[in-house]
Amino acid sequence: FVTFIDDCTRVTWTYLTKNKSKVFMSCLKLIWKNIKRIRSDNSTEYVNHEFLNFLSHNGIVHELTCVNTPQQNEVAERKNLHLLEVTRALLFQMFVPKNYWGKVVLTVTYLINRLPT
C-alpha cells in the first residue's frame, strides 16, 4: 500500500497497490487534492521518469530524503507504523482472515482519520 498524508491536518489517503510501479497511478487519483509538495525516499517508484514528468507537469515540488535517514520522512514513517500496528491488532483480535488485510488497512485509515487528535 501507499499512503499520502496532508502535512497540516494529518489526514491520510491509503491506496492498495499490487506492486511498486502502481504508485504513479495512485498519485494520479490524488491530483484533484491540489498537491503542492511530495516528500519521498529514493525508491525507484518515486524517481522514475514517468513520475518525475508528472510532478513537474503539475507544478508539484518533489523533496527527496537522504539515503538511510527515515527521520527526514518521520511523519510518513510513523503513520505507516501506526496503520500497521492497528491493522495487525484488528486482524488478530477479530480473527479476520489474512486475505482481508488490504480492506482492514483501508478501514483503519478511515477510522484514524475520524479520531480526534
N, C-alpha and C. Protein backbone atom coordinates (compact mmCIF):
# COMPACT_ATOMS: atom_id res chain seq x y z
N PHE A 1 0.84 -1.18 0.00
CA PHE A 1 0.00 0.00 0.00
C PHE A 1 0.89 1.24 0.00
N VAL A 2 0.30 2.33 -0.41
CA VAL A 2 1.00 3.61 -0.40
C VAL A 2 0.10 4.62 0.31
N THR A 3 0.73 5.47 1.13
CA THR A 3 -0.04 6.47 1.86
C THR A 3 0.38 7.87 1.44
N PHE A 4 -0.60 8.75 1.39
CA PHE A 4 -0.37 10.17 1.16
C PHE A 4 -0.93 10.89 2.38
N ILE A 5 -0.14 11.79 2.97
CA ILE A 5 -0.52 12.44 4.22
C ILE A 5 -0.48 13.95 4.04
N ASP A 6 -1.57 14.60 4.42
CA ASP A 6 -1.61 16.06 4.43
C ASP A 6 -0.77 16.52 5.62
N ASP A 7 0.27 17.29 5.35
CA ASP A 7 1.21 17.68 6.39
C ASP A 7 0.57 18.58 7.45
N CYS A 8 -0.45 19.31 7.11
CA CYS A 8 -1.09 20.23 8.05
C CYS A 8 -2.11 19.51 8.94
N THR A 9 -3.02 18.77 8.33
CA THR A 9 -4.11 18.14 9.08
C THR A 9 -3.84 16.69 9.44
N ARG A 10 -2.85 16.08 8.83
CA ARG A 10 -2.50 14.66 9.00
C ARG A 10 -3.58 13.71 8.47
N VAL A 11 -4.50 14.23 7.68
CA VAL A 11 -5.46 13.35 7.02
C VAL A 11 -4.68 12.47 6.06
N THR A 12 -5.03 11.19 6.01
CA THR A 12 -4.28 10.21 5.24
C THR A 12 -5.15 9.57 4.19
N TRP A 13 -4.58 9.37 3.01
CA TRP A 13 -5.22 8.63 1.93
C TRP A 13 -4.36 7.40 1.69
N THR A 14 -4.96 6.24 1.72
CA THR A 14 -4.24 4.99 1.51
C THR A 14 -4.76 4.32 0.25
N TYR A 15 -3.84 3.87 -0.57
CA TYR A 15 -4.19 3.14 -1.80
C TYR A 15 -3.46 1.82 -1.80
N LEU A 16 -4.20 0.77 -2.12
CA LEU A 16 -3.61 -0.55 -2.22
C LEU A 16 -2.97 -0.71 -3.59
N THR A 17 -1.76 -1.22 -3.61
CA THR A 17 -1.06 -1.44 -4.88
C THR A 17 -0.51 -2.86 -4.89
N LYS A 18 -0.62 -3.50 -6.04
CA LYS A 18 -0.10 -4.86 -6.16
C LYS A 18 1.41 -4.86 -6.28
N ASN A 19 1.96 -3.81 -6.88
CA ASN A 19 3.41 -3.68 -6.96
C ASN A 19 3.79 -2.21 -6.94
N LYS A 20 5.07 -1.95 -6.77
CA LYS A 20 5.54 -0.58 -6.59
C LYS A 20 5.33 0.29 -7.82
N SER A 21 5.23 -0.30 -8.97
CA SER A 21 5.06 0.51 -10.18
C SER A 21 3.69 1.17 -10.25
N LYS A 22 2.76 0.77 -9.41
CA LYS A 22 1.41 1.34 -9.41
C LYS A 22 1.30 2.61 -8.56
N VAL A 23 2.38 3.03 -7.92
CA VAL A 23 2.36 4.23 -7.09
C VAL A 23 1.98 5.44 -7.93
N PHE A 24 2.48 5.49 -9.15
CA PHE A 24 2.17 6.61 -10.05
C PHE A 24 0.67 6.73 -10.26
N MET A 25 -0.01 5.62 -10.48
CA MET A 25 -1.46 5.65 -10.70
C MET A 25 -2.19 6.10 -9.43
N SER A 26 -1.68 5.73 -8.27
CA SER A 26 -2.28 6.19 -7.01
C SER A 26 -2.16 7.69 -6.88
N CYS A 27 -1.03 8.22 -7.31
CA CYS A 27 -0.82 9.66 -7.24
C CYS A 27 -1.76 10.38 -8.20
N LEU A 28 -2.06 9.78 -9.33
CA LEU A 28 -3.00 10.38 -10.28
C LEU A 28 -4.38 10.56 -9.66
N LYS A 29 -4.77 9.61 -8.79
CA LYS A 29 -6.07 9.70 -8.13
C LYS A 29 -6.15 10.89 -7.18
N LEU A 30 -4.99 11.34 -6.70
CA LEU A 30 -4.96 12.43 -5.73
C LEU A 30 -4.79 13.80 -6.36
N ILE A 31 -4.62 13.89 -7.65
CA ILE A 31 -4.28 15.17 -8.27
C ILE A 31 -5.33 16.24 -8.00
N TRP A 32 -6.56 15.86 -7.81
CA TRP A 32 -7.60 16.85 -7.53
C TRP A 32 -7.47 17.43 -6.12
N LYS A 33 -6.60 16.90 -5.30
CA LYS A 33 -6.43 17.38 -3.93
C LYS A 33 -5.56 18.64 -3.85
N ASN A 34 -5.09 19.15 -4.99
CA ASN A 34 -4.25 20.35 -5.03
C ASN A 34 -2.93 20.13 -4.29
N ILE A 35 -2.21 19.12 -4.70
CA ILE A 35 -0.91 18.79 -4.10
C ILE A 35 0.10 19.86 -4.49
N LYS A 36 0.87 20.32 -3.50
CA LYS A 36 1.91 21.30 -3.76
C LYS A 36 3.30 20.69 -3.62
N ARG A 37 3.42 19.68 -2.76
CA ARG A 37 4.74 19.13 -2.46
C ARG A 37 4.60 17.66 -2.08
N ILE A 38 5.53 16.86 -2.55
CA ILE A 38 5.59 15.44 -2.18
C ILE A 38 6.98 15.17 -1.63
N ARG A 39 7.03 14.56 -0.45
CA ARG A 39 8.30 14.15 0.14
C ARG A 39 8.35 12.63 0.10
N SER A 40 9.45 12.11 -0.40
CA SER A 40 9.57 10.65 -0.51
C SER A 40 11.02 10.24 -0.35
N ASP A 41 11.20 8.94 -0.19
CA ASP A 41 12.55 8.41 -0.18
C ASP A 41 13.02 8.22 -1.63
N ASN A 42 14.17 7.64 -1.81
CA ASN A 42 14.73 7.48 -3.15
C ASN A 42 14.36 6.16 -3.80
N SER A 43 13.22 5.61 -3.45
CA SER A 43 12.78 4.35 -4.05
C SER A 43 12.53 4.55 -5.54
N THR A 44 12.67 3.48 -6.28
CA THR A 44 12.54 3.56 -7.74
C THR A 44 11.16 4.01 -8.18
N GLU A 45 10.14 3.75 -7.39
CA GLU A 45 8.79 4.16 -7.80
C GLU A 45 8.61 5.67 -7.72
N TYR A 46 9.49 6.36 -6.98
CA TYR A 46 9.37 7.81 -6.84
C TYR A 46 10.38 8.59 -7.69
N VAL A 47 11.34 7.93 -8.27
CA VAL A 47 12.35 8.66 -9.05
C VAL A 47 12.39 8.21 -10.51
N ASN A 48 11.36 7.53 -10.97
CA ASN A 48 11.36 7.13 -12.38
C ASN A 48 10.92 8.29 -13.26
N HIS A 49 11.22 8.20 -14.53
CA HIS A 49 10.99 9.28 -15.49
C HIS A 49 9.52 9.68 -15.57
N GLU A 50 8.64 8.70 -15.61
CA GLU A 50 7.20 8.97 -15.73
C GLU A 50 6.67 9.77 -14.54
N PHE A 51 7.05 9.36 -13.35
CA PHE A 51 6.59 10.02 -12.13
C PHE A 51 7.14 11.45 -12.03
N LEU A 52 8.42 11.62 -12.33
CA LEU A 52 9.03 12.95 -12.26
C LEU A 52 8.43 13.90 -13.29
N ASN A 53 8.13 13.39 -14.49
CA ASN A 53 7.47 14.22 -15.50
C ASN A 53 6.08 14.65 -15.04
N PHE A 54 5.36 13.72 -14.43
CA PHE A 54 4.03 14.02 -13.91
C PHE A 54 4.09 15.14 -12.87
N LEU A 55 5.06 15.05 -11.96
CA LEU A 55 5.19 16.07 -10.92
C LEU A 55 5.53 17.43 -11.52
N SER A 56 6.49 17.46 -12.43
CA SER A 56 6.89 18.75 -13.00
C SER A 56 5.78 19.35 -13.86
N HIS A 57 5.04 18.51 -14.58
CA HIS A 57 3.94 18.99 -15.42
C HIS A 57 2.83 19.62 -14.58
N ASN A 58 2.62 19.11 -13.36
CA ASN A 58 1.56 19.62 -12.49
C ASN A 58 2.06 20.62 -11.45
N GLY A 59 3.32 21.03 -11.55
CA GLY A 59 3.86 22.04 -10.65
C GLY A 59 4.03 21.57 -9.22
N ILE A 60 4.28 20.29 -9.03
CA ILE A 60 4.44 19.71 -7.70
C ILE A 60 5.93 19.61 -7.38
N VAL A 61 6.32 20.15 -6.23
CA VAL A 61 7.71 20.09 -5.79
C VAL A 61 7.97 18.70 -5.21
N HIS A 62 9.07 18.08 -5.62
CA HIS A 62 9.41 16.75 -5.14
C HIS A 62 10.62 16.86 -4.22
N GLU A 63 10.44 16.56 -2.94
CA GLU A 63 11.53 16.56 -1.97
C GLU A 63 11.97 15.13 -1.73
N LEU A 64 13.24 14.86 -1.92
CA LEU A 64 13.79 13.53 -1.68
C LEU A 64 14.55 13.53 -0.36
N THR A 65 14.39 12.48 0.41
CA THR A 65 15.15 12.35 1.65
C THR A 65 16.50 11.74 1.34
N CYS A 66 17.45 11.92 2.24
CA CYS A 66 18.77 11.32 2.07
C CYS A 66 18.67 9.82 2.32
N VAL A 67 19.62 9.10 1.79
CA VAL A 67 19.64 7.64 1.93
C VAL A 67 19.80 7.26 3.40
N ASN A 68 19.05 6.25 3.83
CA ASN A 68 19.11 5.70 5.19
C ASN A 68 18.83 6.75 6.27
N THR A 69 17.92 7.66 6.00
CA THR A 69 17.53 8.66 7.01
C THR A 69 16.01 8.75 7.07
N PRO A 70 15.36 7.75 7.68
CA PRO A 70 13.90 7.79 7.79
C PRO A 70 13.43 8.96 8.66
N GLN A 71 14.34 9.55 9.45
CA GLN A 71 13.97 10.69 10.28
C GLN A 71 13.51 11.87 9.44
N GLN A 72 14.00 11.98 8.21
CA GLN A 72 13.61 13.09 7.35
C GLN A 72 12.19 12.93 6.81
N ASN A 73 11.65 11.75 6.92
CA ASN A 73 10.29 11.48 6.47
C ASN A 73 9.49 10.88 7.62
N GLU A 74 9.70 11.44 8.81
CA GLU A 74 9.17 10.82 10.02
C GLU A 74 7.65 10.80 10.09
N VAL A 75 6.98 11.77 9.50
CA VAL A 75 5.51 11.79 9.53
C VAL A 75 4.97 10.55 8.82
N ALA A 76 5.48 10.27 7.63
CA ALA A 76 5.02 9.11 6.87
C ALA A 76 5.45 7.80 7.54
N GLU A 77 6.67 7.76 8.03
CA GLU A 77 7.16 6.54 8.68
C GLU A 77 6.31 6.21 9.91
N ARG A 78 6.02 7.20 10.71
CA ARG A 78 5.22 6.98 11.92
C ARG A 78 3.78 6.60 11.58
N LYS A 79 3.22 7.27 10.57
CA LYS A 79 1.85 6.96 10.16
C LYS A 79 1.75 5.52 9.66
N ASN A 80 2.72 5.09 8.84
CA ASN A 80 2.70 3.72 8.33
C ASN A 80 2.83 2.72 9.47
N LEU A 81 3.69 3.02 10.44
CA LEU A 81 3.84 2.14 11.60
C LEU A 81 2.53 2.04 12.38
N HIS A 82 1.87 3.18 12.59
CA HIS A 82 0.59 3.20 13.31
C HIS A 82 -0.47 2.40 12.55
N LEU A 83 -0.55 2.61 11.23
CA LEU A 83 -1.52 1.86 10.42
C LEU A 83 -1.28 0.36 10.53
N LEU A 84 -0.02 -0.06 10.45
CA LEU A 84 0.28 -1.49 10.51
C LEU A 84 0.00 -2.07 11.89
N GLU A 85 0.31 -1.32 12.95
CA GLU A 85 0.04 -1.81 14.30
C GLU A 85 -1.45 -2.03 14.53
N VAL A 86 -2.26 -1.07 14.14
CA VAL A 86 -3.71 -1.19 14.34
C VAL A 86 -4.27 -2.28 13.44
N THR A 87 -3.77 -2.39 12.22
CA THR A 87 -4.22 -3.43 11.30
C THR A 87 -3.94 -4.81 11.87
N ARG A 88 -2.72 -5.01 12.36
CA ARG A 88 -2.38 -6.31 12.95
C ARG A 88 -3.25 -6.61 14.16
N ALA A 89 -3.50 -5.61 14.98
CA ALA A 89 -4.34 -5.81 16.17
C ALA A 89 -5.75 -6.22 15.77
N LEU A 90 -6.32 -5.56 14.78
CA LEU A 90 -7.68 -5.92 14.33
C LEU A 90 -7.71 -7.33 13.74
N LEU A 91 -6.72 -7.64 12.92
CA LEU A 91 -6.68 -8.98 12.32
C LEU A 91 -6.59 -10.05 13.39
N PHE A 92 -5.78 -9.80 14.41
CA PHE A 92 -5.57 -10.78 15.47
C PHE A 92 -6.79 -10.87 16.40
N GLN A 93 -7.27 -9.73 16.87
CA GLN A 93 -8.36 -9.72 17.84
C GLN A 93 -9.69 -10.19 17.27
N MET A 94 -9.94 -9.87 16.03
CA MET A 94 -11.23 -10.20 15.42
C MET A 94 -11.19 -11.49 14.60
N PHE A 95 -10.04 -12.17 14.60
CA PHE A 95 -9.87 -13.42 13.86
C PHE A 95 -10.23 -13.26 12.38
N VAL A 96 -9.79 -12.15 11.81
CA VAL A 96 -10.06 -11.87 10.39
C VAL A 96 -9.04 -12.63 9.55
N PRO A 97 -9.48 -13.31 8.49
CA PRO A 97 -8.52 -14.00 7.62
C PRO A 97 -7.55 -13.01 6.97
N LYS A 98 -6.33 -13.47 6.73
CA LYS A 98 -5.28 -12.61 6.19
C LYS A 98 -5.60 -12.08 4.80
N ASN A 99 -6.45 -12.75 4.06
CA ASN A 99 -6.76 -12.27 2.71
C ASN A 99 -7.59 -10.99 2.74
N TYR A 100 -8.07 -10.57 3.91
CA TYR A 100 -8.78 -9.29 4.06
C TYR A 100 -7.85 -8.17 4.53
N TRP A 101 -6.56 -8.43 4.52
CA TRP A 101 -5.57 -7.49 5.04
C TRP A 101 -5.72 -6.11 4.40
N GLY A 102 -5.86 -6.03 3.09
CA GLY A 102 -5.99 -4.75 2.39
C GLY A 102 -7.21 -3.97 2.82
N LYS A 103 -8.33 -4.66 2.94
CA LYS A 103 -9.56 -3.98 3.37
C LYS A 103 -9.44 -3.48 4.80
N VAL A 104 -8.72 -4.22 5.63
CA VAL A 104 -8.53 -3.79 7.02
C VAL A 104 -7.65 -2.53 7.06
N VAL A 105 -6.60 -2.47 6.23
CA VAL A 105 -5.75 -1.27 6.18
C VAL A 105 -6.59 -0.06 5.77
N LEU A 106 -7.45 -0.22 4.78
CA LEU A 106 -8.31 0.89 4.35
C LEU A 106 -9.28 1.30 5.46
N THR A 107 -9.81 0.32 6.18
CA THR A 107 -10.72 0.60 7.29
C THR A 107 -10.00 1.33 8.41
N VAL A 108 -8.79 0.89 8.72
CA VAL A 108 -8.00 1.53 9.77
C VAL A 108 -7.69 2.98 9.39
N THR A 109 -7.35 3.22 8.13
CA THR A 109 -7.10 4.59 7.67
C THR A 109 -8.35 5.44 7.86
N TYR A 110 -9.49 4.89 7.48
CA TYR A 110 -10.77 5.60 7.63
C TYR A 110 -11.02 5.95 9.09
N LEU A 111 -10.81 4.98 9.98
CA LEU A 111 -11.07 5.21 11.41
C LEU A 111 -10.10 6.23 12.01
N ILE A 112 -8.83 6.11 11.68
CA ILE A 112 -7.83 7.04 12.24
C ILE A 112 -8.10 8.46 11.76
N ASN A 113 -8.53 8.61 10.52
CA ASN A 113 -8.85 9.95 10.01
C ASN A 113 -9.99 10.60 10.78
N ARG A 114 -10.84 9.81 11.38
CA ARG A 114 -12.00 10.34 12.07
C ARG A 114 -11.83 10.45 13.58
N LEU A 115 -10.74 9.94 14.09
CA LEU A 115 -10.47 10.07 15.53
C LEU A 115 -9.98 11.48 15.84
N PRO A 116 -10.38 12.03 16.98
CA PRO A 116 -9.84 13.34 17.36
C PRO A 116 -8.36 13.21 17.71
N THR A 117 -7.62 14.27 17.46
CA THR A 117 -6.18 14.21 17.75
C THR A 117 -5.87 14.72 19.13
